Amino acid sequence: MMRKNIDLNAELREWFGMRLSEVLGEKPENRKNIVLDIRAVDADIFRLLYDYQIKRQWPSVDAETAQILEVERSTIWRWNKKK
């Protein structure tokens, strides 16, 4: 049975914190090895969530995606235009 209100933000923070520890360790020079385009991250997350629903032909993808991401439906339309 699926539990309600799964906080993917908390899971992502935990995972990201663990990865930073693995990649950086205690060596500041390891920072030069990291590539992270923070602007692309939101687009990647949106695309993964949106496309997951589309591939399964779920109803109301725009509205549901907007609700999950806590954005306006017009934001979803704009993101899709950029696609």
PDB file of N, CA and C in Angstrom:
ATOM      1  N   MET A   1       0.830  -1.185   0.000  1.00  0.00           N
ATOM      2  CA  MET A   1       0.000   0.000   0.000  1.00  0.00           C
ATOM      3  C   MET A   1       0.876   1.251   0.000  1.00  0.00           C
ATOM      4  N   MET A   2       0.520   2.204  -0.849  1.00  0.00           N
ATOM      5  CA  MET A   2       1.296   3.430  -0.982  1.00  0.00           C
ATOM      6  C   MET A   2       0.929   4.400   0.141  1.00  0.00           C
ATOM      7  N   ARG A   3       1.948   4.938   0.791  1.00  0.00           N
ATOM      8  CA  ARG A   3       1.668   5.918   1.838  1.00  0.00           C
ATOM      9  C   ARG A   3       1.355   7.264   1.210  1.00  0.00           C
ATOM     10  N   LYS A   4       0.670   8.097   1.957  1.00  0.00           N
ATOM     11  CA  LYS A   4       0.292   9.418   1.437  1.00  0.00           C
ATOM     12  C   LYS A   4       1.411  10.426   1.660  1.00  0.00           C
ATOM     13  N   ASN A   5       1.382  11.463   0.845  1.00  0.00           N
ATOM     14  CA  ASN A   5       2.284  12.597   1.001  1.00  0.00           C
ATOM     15  C   ASN A   5       3.757  12.196   1.096  1.00  0.00           C
ATOM     16  N   ILE A   6       4.223  11.567   0.071  1.00  0.00           N
ATOM     17  CA  ILE A   6       5.634  11.206  -0.003  1.00  0.00           C
ATOM     18  C   ILE A   6       6.413  12.467  -0.363  1.00  0.00           C
ATOM     19  N   ASP A   7       7.315  12.852   0.506  1.00  0.00           N
ATOM     20  CA  ASP A   7       8.074  14.091   0.336  1.00  0.00           C
ATOM     21  C   ASP A   7       9.339  13.814  -0.474  1.00  0.00           C
ATOM     22  N   LEU A   8       9.218  13.956  -1.780  1.00  0.00           N
ATOM     23  CA  LEU A   8      10.380  13.723  -2.634  1.00  0.00           C
ATOM     24  C   LEU A   8      11.459  14.789  -2.428  1.00  0.00           C
ATOM     25  N   ASN A   9      11.068  15.974  -1.958  1.00  0.00           N
ATOM     26  CA  ASN A   9      12.071  17.001  -1.654  1.00  0.00           C
ATOM     27  C   ASN A   9      13.021  16.501  -0.568  1.00  0.00           C
ATOM     28  N   ALA A  10      12.462  15.917   0.495  1.00  0.00           N
ATOM     29  CA  ALA A  10      13.290  15.403   1.589  1.00  0.00           C
ATOM     30  C   ALA A  10      14.192  14.274   1.091  1.00  0.00           C
ATOM     31  N   GLU A  11      13.629  13.386   0.263  1.00  0.00           N
ATOM     32  CA  GLU A  11      14.432  12.287  -0.277  1.00  0.00           C
ATOM     33  C   GLU A  11      15.547  12.811  -1.164  1.00  0.00           C
ATOM     34  N   LEU A  12      15.240  13.812  -1.972  1.00  0.00           N
ATOM     35  CA  LEU A  12      16.247  14.396  -2.853  1.00  0.00           C
ATOM     36  C   LEU A  12      17.349  15.086  -2.048  1.00  0.00           C
ATOM     37  N   ARG A  13      16.978  15.826  -0.997  1.00  0.00           N
ATOM     38  CA  ARG A  13      17.983  16.474  -0.141  1.00  0.00           C
ATOM     39  C   ARG A  13      18.898  15.447   0.498  1.00  0.00           C
ATOM     40  N   GLU A  14      18.297  14.355   1.000  1.00  0.00           N
ATOM     41  CA  GLU A  14      19.095  13.312   1.640  1.00  0.00           C
ATOM     42  C   GLU A  14      20.061  12.684   0.637  1.00  0.00           C
ATOM     43  N   TRP A  15      19.540  12.332  -0.552  1.00  0.00           N
ATOM     44  CA  TRP A  15      20.387  11.725  -1.577  1.00  0.00           C
ATOM     45  C   TRP A  15      21.507  12.675  -1.999  1.00  0.00           C
ATOM     46  N   PHE A  16      21.147  13.956  -2.213  1.00  0.00           N
ATOM     47  CA  PHE A  16      22.132  14.927  -2.676  1.00  0.00           C
ATOM     48  C   PHE A  16      23.218  15.139  -1.619  1.00  0.00           C
ATOM     49  N   GLY A  17      22.807  15.189  -0.371  1.00  0.00           N
ATOM     50  CA  GLY A  17      23.786  15.335   0.716  1.00  0.00           C
ATOM     51  C   GLY A  17      24.757  14.163   0.763  1.00  0.00           C
ATOM     52  N   MET A  18      24.227  12.952   0.583  1.00  0.00           N
ATOM     53  CA  MET A  18      25.090  11.767   0.571  1.00  0.00           C
ATOM     54  C   MET A  18      26.045  11.798  -0.610  1.00  0.00           C
ATOM     55  N   ARG A  19      25.532  12.193  -1.788  1.00  0.00           N
ATOM     56  CA  ARG A  19      26.397  12.253  -2.979  1.00  0.00           C
ATOM     57  C   ARG A  19      27.495  13.297  -2.807  1.00  0.00           C
ATOM     58  N   LEU A  20      27.142  14.444  -2.215  1.00  0.00           N
ATOM     59  CA  LEU A  20      28.173  15.462  -1.975  1.00  0.00           C
ATOM     60  C   LEU A  20      29.276  14.911  -1.084  1.00  0.00           C
ATOM     61  N   SER A  21      28.885  14.196  -0.046  1.00  0.00           N
ATOM     62  CA  SER A  21      29.884  13.596   0.846  1.00  0.00           C
ATOM     63  C   SER A  21      30.766  12.612   0.098  1.00  0.00           C
ATOM     64  N   GLU A  22      30.166  11.815  -0.791  1.00  0.00           N
ATOM     65  CA  GLU A  22      30.941  10.848  -1.570  1.00  0.00           C
ATOM     66  C   GLU A  22      31.889  11.537  -2.539  1.00  0.00           C
ATOM     67  N   VAL A  23      31.397  12.565  -3.218  1.00  0.00           N
ATOM     68  CA  VAL A  23      32.178  13.218  -4.269  1.00  0.00           C
ATOM     69  C   VAL A  23      33.232  14.157  -3.681  1.00  0.00           C
ATOM     70  N   LEU A  24      32.836  14.953  -2.687  1.00  0.00           N
ATOM     71  CA  LEU A  24      33.753  15.942  -2.138  1.00  0.00           C
ATOM     72  C   LEU A  24      34.640  15.394  -1.030  1.00  0.00           C
ATOM     73  N   GLY A  25      34.061  14.512  -0.220  1.00  0.00           N
ATOM     74  CA  GLY A  25      34.818  14.038   0.929  1.00  0.00           C
ATOM     75  C   GLY A  25      35.231  15.213   1.785  1.00  0.00           C
ATOM     76  N   GLU A  26      36.465  15.231   2.183  1.00  0.00           N
ATOM     77  CA  GLU A  26      37.007  16.328   3.001  1.00  0.00           C
ATOM     78  C   GLU A  26      38.039  17.140   2.219  1.00  0.00           C
ATOM     79  N   LYS A  27      37.985  17.036   0.891  1.00  0.00           N
ATOM     80  CA  LYS A  27      39.011  17.666   0.061  1.00  0.00           C
ATOM     81  C   LYS A  27      38.405  18.794  -0.768  1.00  0.00           C
ATOM     82  N   PRO A  28      38.691  20.041  -0.424  1.00  0.00           N
ATOM     83  CA  PRO A  28      38.137  21.168  -1.173  1.00  0.00           C
ATOM     84  C   PRO A  28      38.493  21.138  -2.662  1.00  0.00           C
ATOM     85  N   GLU A  29      39.618  20.548  -3.004  1.00  0.00           N
ATOM     86  CA  GLU A  29      40.017  20.507  -4.418  1.00  0.00           C
ATOM     87  C   GLU A  29      39.061  19.658  -5.255  1.00  0.00           C
ATOM     88  N   ASN A  30      38.280  18.815  -4.619  1.00  0.00           N
ATOM     89  CA  ASN A  30      37.304  17.998  -5.357  1.00  0.00           C
ATOM     90  C   ASN A  30      36.151  18.828  -5.920  1.00  0.00           C
ATOM     91  N   ARG A  31      35.995  20.051  -5.441  1.00  0.00           N
ATOM     92  CA  ARG A  31      34.920  20.906  -5.956  1.00  0.00           C
ATOM     93  C   ARG A  31      35.046  21.136  -7.445  1.00  0.00           C
ATOM     94  N   LYS A  32      36.272  21.147  -7.955  1.00  0.00           N
ATOM     95  CA  LYS A  32      36.470  21.405  -9.394  1.00  0.00           C
ATOM     96  C   LYS A  32      35.925  20.267 -10.259  1.00  0.00           C
ATOM     97  N   ASN A  33      35.631  19.121  -9.649  1.00  0.00           N
ATOM     98  CA  ASN A  33      35.120  17.968 -10.387  1.00  0.00           C
ATOM     99  C   ASN A  33      33.607  17.957 -10.524  1.00  0.00           C
ATOM    100  N   ILE A  34      32.917  18.907  -9.901  1.00  0.00           N
ATOM    101  CA  ILE A  34      31.457  18.920  -9.903  1.00  0.00           C
ATOM    102  C   ILE A  34      30.934  19.784 -11.048  1.00  0.00           C
ATOM    103  N   VAL A  35      29.959  19.261 -11.752  1.00  0.00           N
ATOM    104  CA  VAL A  35      29.219  20.016 -12.756  1.00  0.00           C
ATOM    105  C   VAL A  35      27.758  19.956 -12.338  1.00  0.00           C
ATOM    106  N   LEU A  36      27.136  21.119 -12.132  1.00  0.00           N
ATOM    107  CA  LEU A  36      25.733  21.167 -11.732  1.00  0.00           C
ATOM    108  C   LEU A  36      25.103  22.433 -12.301  1.00  0.00           C
ATOM    109  N   ASP A  37      24.270  22.267 -13.302  1.00  0.00           N
ATOM    110  CA  ASP A  37      23.530  23.382 -13.887  1.00  0.00           C
ATOM    111  C   ASP A  37      22.185  23.450 -13.176  1.00  0.00           C
ATOM    112  N   ILE A  38      22.092  24.282 -12.178  1.00  0.00           N
ATOM    113  CA  ILE A  38      20.907  24.343 -11.329  1.00  0.00           C
ATOM    114  C   ILE A  38      19.655  24.718 -12.118  1.00  0.00           C
ATOM    115  N   ARG A  39      19.807  25.504 -13.173  1.00  0.00           N
ATOM    116  CA  ARG A  39      18.657  25.871 -14.015  1.00  0.00           C
ATOM    117  C   ARG A  39      18.133  24.658 -14.782  1.00  0.00           C
ATOM    118  N   ALA A  40      19.019  23.759 -15.123  1.00  0.00           N
ATOM    119  CA  ALA A  40      18.604  22.561 -15.850  1.00  0.00           C
ATOM    120  C   ALA A  40      17.940  21.539 -14.925  1.00  0.00           C
ATOM    121  N   VAL A  41      18.246  21.600 -13.644  1.00  0.00           N
ATOM    122  CA  VAL A  41      17.686  20.632 -12.700  1.00  0.00           C
ATOM    123  C   VAL A  41      16.164  20.720 -12.658  1.00  0.00           C
ATOM    124  N   ASP A  42      15.631  21.935 -12.550  1.00  0.00           N
ATOM    125  CA  ASP A  42      14.166  22.051 -12.490  1.00  0.00           C
ATOM    126  C   ASP A  42      13.525  21.581 -13.789  1.00  0.00           C
ATOM    127  N   ALA A  43      14.172  21.865 -14.903  1.00  0.00           N
ATOM    128  CA  ALA A  43      13.641  21.411 -16.185  1.00  0.00           C
ATOM    129  C   ALA A  43      13.691  19.880 -16.278  1.00  0.00           C
ATOM    130  N   ASP A  44      14.756  19.284 -15.777  1.00  0.00           N
ATOM    131  CA  ASP A  44      14.883  17.822 -15.797  1.00  0.00           C
ATOM    132  C   ASP A  44      13.814  17.165 -14.930  1.00  0.00           C
ATOM    133  N   ILE A  45      13.600  17.700 -13.752  1.00  0.00           N
ATOM    134  CA  ILE A  45      12.598  17.135 -12.844  1.00  0.00           C
ATOM    135  C   ILE A  45      11.209  17.260 -13.457  1.00  0.00           C
ATOM    136  N   PHE A  46      10.907  18.432 -13.997  1.00  0.00           N
ATOM    137  CA  PHE A  46       9.616  18.620 -14.654  1.00  0.00           C
ATOM    138  C   PHE A  46       9.431  17.596 -15.771  1.00  0.00           C
ATOM    139  N   ARG A  47      10.439  17.485 -16.626  1.00  0.00           N
ATOM    140  CA  ARG A  47      10.351  16.589 -17.776  1.00  0.00           C
ATOM    141  C   ARG A  47      10.137  15.146 -17.338  1.00  0.00           C
ATOM    142  N   LEU A  48      10.874  14.695 -16.319  1.00  0.00           N
ATOM    143  CA  LEU A  48      10.721  13.322 -15.828  1.00  0.00           C
ATOM    144  C   LEU A  48       9.314  13.065 -15.314  1.00  0.00           C
ATOM    145  N   LEU A  49       8.806  13.988 -14.516  1.00  0.00           N
ATOM    146  CA  LEU A  49       7.469  13.843 -13.949  1.00  0.00           C
ATOM    147  C   LEU A  49       6.399  13.892 -15.038  1.00  0.00           C
ATOM    148  N   TYR A  50       6.506  14.864 -15.909  1.00  0.00           N
ATOM    149  CA  TYR A  50       5.511  15.060 -16.959  1.00  0.00           C
ATOM    150  C   TYR A  50       5.496  13.875 -17.936  1.00  0.00           C
ATOM    151  N   ASP A  51       6.666  13.509 -18.429  1.00  0.00           N
ATOM    152  CA  ASP A  51       6.759  12.433 -19.410  1.00  0.00           C
ATOM    153  C   ASP A  51       6.336  11.089 -18.827  1.00  0.00           C
ATOM    154  N   TYR A  52       6.603  10.868 -17.547  1.00  0.00           N
ATOM    155  CA  TYR A  52       6.174   9.634 -16.891  1.00  0.00           C
ATOM    156  C   TYR A  52       4.667   9.464 -17.029  1.00  0.00           C
ATOM    157  N   GLN A  53       3.941  10.537 -16.782  1.00  0.00           N
ATOM    158  CA  GLN A  53       2.478  10.496 -16.859  1.00  0.00           C
ATOM    159  C   GLN A  53       1.989  10.365 -18.307  1.00  0.00           C
ATOM    160  N   ILE A  54       2.611  11.087 -19.204  1.00  0.00           N
ATOM    161  CA  ILE A  54       2.232  11.061 -20.619  1.00  0.00           C
ATOM    162  C   ILE A  54       2.396   9.646 -21.182  1.00  0.00           C
ATOM    163  N   LYS A  55       3.531   9.013 -20.888  1.00  0.00           N
ATOM    164  CA  LYS A  55       3.791   7.668 -21.410  1.00  0.00           C
ATOM    165  C   LYS A  55       2.746   6.665 -20.951  1.00  0.00           C
ATOM    166  N   ARG A  56       2.157   6.918 -19.802  1.00  0.00           N
ATOM    167  CA  ARG A  56       1.144   6.017 -19.261  1.00  0.00           C
ATOM    168  C   ARG A  56      -0.277   6.454 -19.605  1.00  0.00           C
ATOM    169  N   GLN A  57      -0.346   7.539 -20.368  1.00  0.00           N
ATOM    170  CA  GLN A  57      -1.625   8.090 -20.827  1.00  0.00           C
ATOM    171  C   GLN A  57      -2.579   8.382 -19.669  1.00  0.00           C
ATOM    172  N   TRP A  58      -2.022   8.933 -18.611  1.00  0.00           N
ATOM    173  CA  TRP A  58      -2.839   9.311 -17.466  1.00  0.00           C
ATOM    174  C   TRP A  58      -3.627  10.574 -17.803  1.00  0.00           C
ATOM    175  N   PRO A  59      -4.796  10.751 -17.223  1.00  0.00           N
ATOM    176  CA  PRO A  59      -5.600  11.952 -17.496  1.00  0.00           C
ATOM    177  C   PRO A  59      -5.062  13.173 -16.743  1.00  0.00           C
ATOM    178  N   SER A  60      -5.406  14.341 -17.242  1.00  0.00           N
ATOM    179  CA  SER A  60      -5.151  15.624 -16.564  1.00  0.00           C
ATOM    180  C   SER A  60      -3.684  15.839 -16.198  1.00  0.00           C
ATOM    181  N   VAL A  61      -2.802  15.527 -17.103  1.00  0.00           N
ATOM    182  CA  VAL A  61      -1.367  15.623 -16.803  1.00  0.00           C
ATOM    183  C   VAL A  61      -0.951  17.051 -16.467  1.00  0.00           C
ATOM    184  N   ASP A  62      -1.408  18.038 -17.241  1.00  0.00           N
ATOM    185  CA  ASP A  62      -1.035  19.427 -16.951  1.00  0.00           C
ATOM    186  C   ASP A  62      -1.489  19.839 -15.557  1.00  0.00           C
ATOM    187  N   ALA A  63      -2.736  19.596 -15.244  1.00  0.00           N
ATOM    188  CA  ALA A  63      -3.289  20.003 -13.949  1.00  0.00           C
ATOM    189  C   ALA A  63      -2.616  19.264 -12.797  1.00  0.00           C
ATOM    190  N   GLU A  64      -2.419  17.963 -12.953  1.00  0.00           N
ATOM    191  CA  GLU A  64      -1.804  17.177 -11.877  1.00  0.00           C
ATOM    192  C   GLU A  64      -0.343  17.570 -11.669  1.00  0.00           C
ATOM    193  N   THR A  65       0.369  17.799 -12.764  1.00  0.00           N
ATOM    194  CA  THR A  65       1.769  18.216 -12.653  1.00  0.00           C
ATOM    195  C   THR A  65       1.865  19.563 -11.959  1.00  0.00           C
ATOM    196  N   ALA A  66       0.995  20.484 -12.322  1.00  0.00           N
ATOM    197  CA  ALA A  66       0.984  21.799 -11.675  1.00  0.00           C
ATOM    198  C   ALA A  66       0.731  21.657 -10.179  1.00  0.00           C
ATOM    199  N   GLN A  67      -0.184  20.782  -9.812  1.00  0.00           N
ATOM    200  CA  GLN A  67      -0.489  20.593  -8.392  1.00  0.00           C
ATOM    201  C   GLN A  67       0.695  19.981  -7.647  1.00  0.00           C
ATOM    202  N   ILE A  68       1.298  18.950  -8.218  1.00  0.00           N
ATOM    203  CA  ILE A  68       2.439  18.297  -7.573  1.00  0.00           C
ATOM    204  C   ILE A  68       3.593  19.282  -7.383  1.00  0.00           C
ATOM    205  N   LEU A  69       3.871  20.075  -8.420  1.00  0.00           N
ATOM    206  CA  LEU A  69       5.004  21.006  -8.374  1.00  0.00           C
ATOM    207  C   LEU A  69       4.654  22.342  -7.722  1.00  0.00           C
ATOM    208  N   GLU A  70       3.369  22.492  -7.365  1.00  0.00           N
ATOM    209  CA  GLU A  70       2.890  23.725  -6.735  1.00  0.00           C
ATOM    210  C   GLU A  70       3.197  24.959  -7.578  1.00  0.00           C
ATOM    211  N   VAL A  71       2.819  24.854  -8.858  1.00  0.00           N
ATOM    212  CA  VAL A  71       2.948  25.971  -9.791  1.00  0.00           C
ATOM    213  C   VAL A  71       1.612  26.147 -10.502  1.00  0.00           C
ATOM    214  N   GLU A  72       1.464  27.256 -11.202  1.00  0.00           N
ATOM    215  CA  GLU A  72       0.259  27.514 -11.994  1.00  0.00           C
ATOM    216  C   GLU A  72       0.282  26.651 -13.251  1.00  0.00           C
ATOM    217  N   ARG A  73      -0.907  26.328 -13.761  1.00  0.00           N
ATOM    218  CA  ARG A  73      -0.962  25.550 -15.012  1.00  0.00           C
ATOM    219  C   ARG A  73      -0.292  26.295 -16.154  1.00  0.00           C
ATOM    220  N   SER A  74      -0.354  27.615 -16.126  1.00  0.00           N
ATOM    221  CA  SER A  74       0.304  28.389 -17.183  1.00  0.00           C
ATOM    222  C   SER A  74       1.817  28.147 -17.180  1.00  0.00           C
ATOM    223  N   THR A  75       2.383  27.870 -16.025  1.00  0.00           N
ATOM    224  CA  THR A  75       3.813  27.553 -15.932  1.00  0.00           C
ATOM    225  C   THR A  75       4.096  26.237 -16.656  1.00  0.00           C
ATOM    226  N   ILE A  76       3.204  25.275 -16.487  1.00  0.00           N
ATOM    227  CA  ILE A  76       3.356  23.995 -17.175  1.00  0.00           C
ATOM    228  C   ILE A  76       3.326  24.205 -18.683  1.00  0.00           C
ATOM    229  N   TRP A  77       2.397  25.023 -19.143  1.00  0.00           N
ATOM    230  CA  TRP A  77       2.305  25.304 -20.579  1.00  0.00           C
ATOM    231  C   TRP A  77       3.585  25.964 -21.087  1.00  0.00           C
ATOM    232  N   ARG A  78       4.136  26.917 -20.317  1.00  0.00           N
ATOM    233  CA  ARG A  78       5.378  27.586 -20.722  1.00  0.00           C
ATOM    234  C   ARG A  78       6.535  26.581 -20.782  1.00  0.00           C
ATOM    235  N   TRP A  79       6.641  25.728 -19.771  1.00  0.00           N
ATOM    236  CA  TRP A  79       7.707  24.732 -19.757  1.00  0.00           C
ATOM    237  C   TRP A  79       7.583  23.801 -20.956  1.00  0.00           C
ATOM    238  N   ASN A  80       6.349  23.441 -21.301  1.00  0.00           N
ATOM    239  CA  ASN A  80       6.144  22.567 -22.458  1.00  0.00           C
ATOM    240  C   ASN A  80       6.508  23.251 -23.763  1.00  0.00           C
ATOM    241  N   LYS A  81       6.290  24.561 -23.835  1.00  0.00           N
ATOM    242  CA  LYS A  81       6.672  25.313 -25.034  1.00  0.00           C
ATOM    243  C   LYS A  81       8.186  25.284 -25.238  1.00  0.00           C
ATOM    244  N   LYS A  82       8.926  25.306 -24.140  1.00  0.00           N
ATOM    245  CA  LYS A  82      10.398  25.288 -24.209  1.00  0.00           C
ATOM    246  C   LYS A  82      10.932  23.936 -24.679  1.00  0.00           C
ATOM    247  N   LYS A  83      10.139  22.920 -24.548  1.00  0.00           N
ATOM    248  CA  LYS A  83      10.517  21.540 -24.857  1.00  0.00           C
ATOM    249  C   LYS A  83      11.166  21.366 -26.172  1.00  0.00           C
TER     250      LYS A  83
END
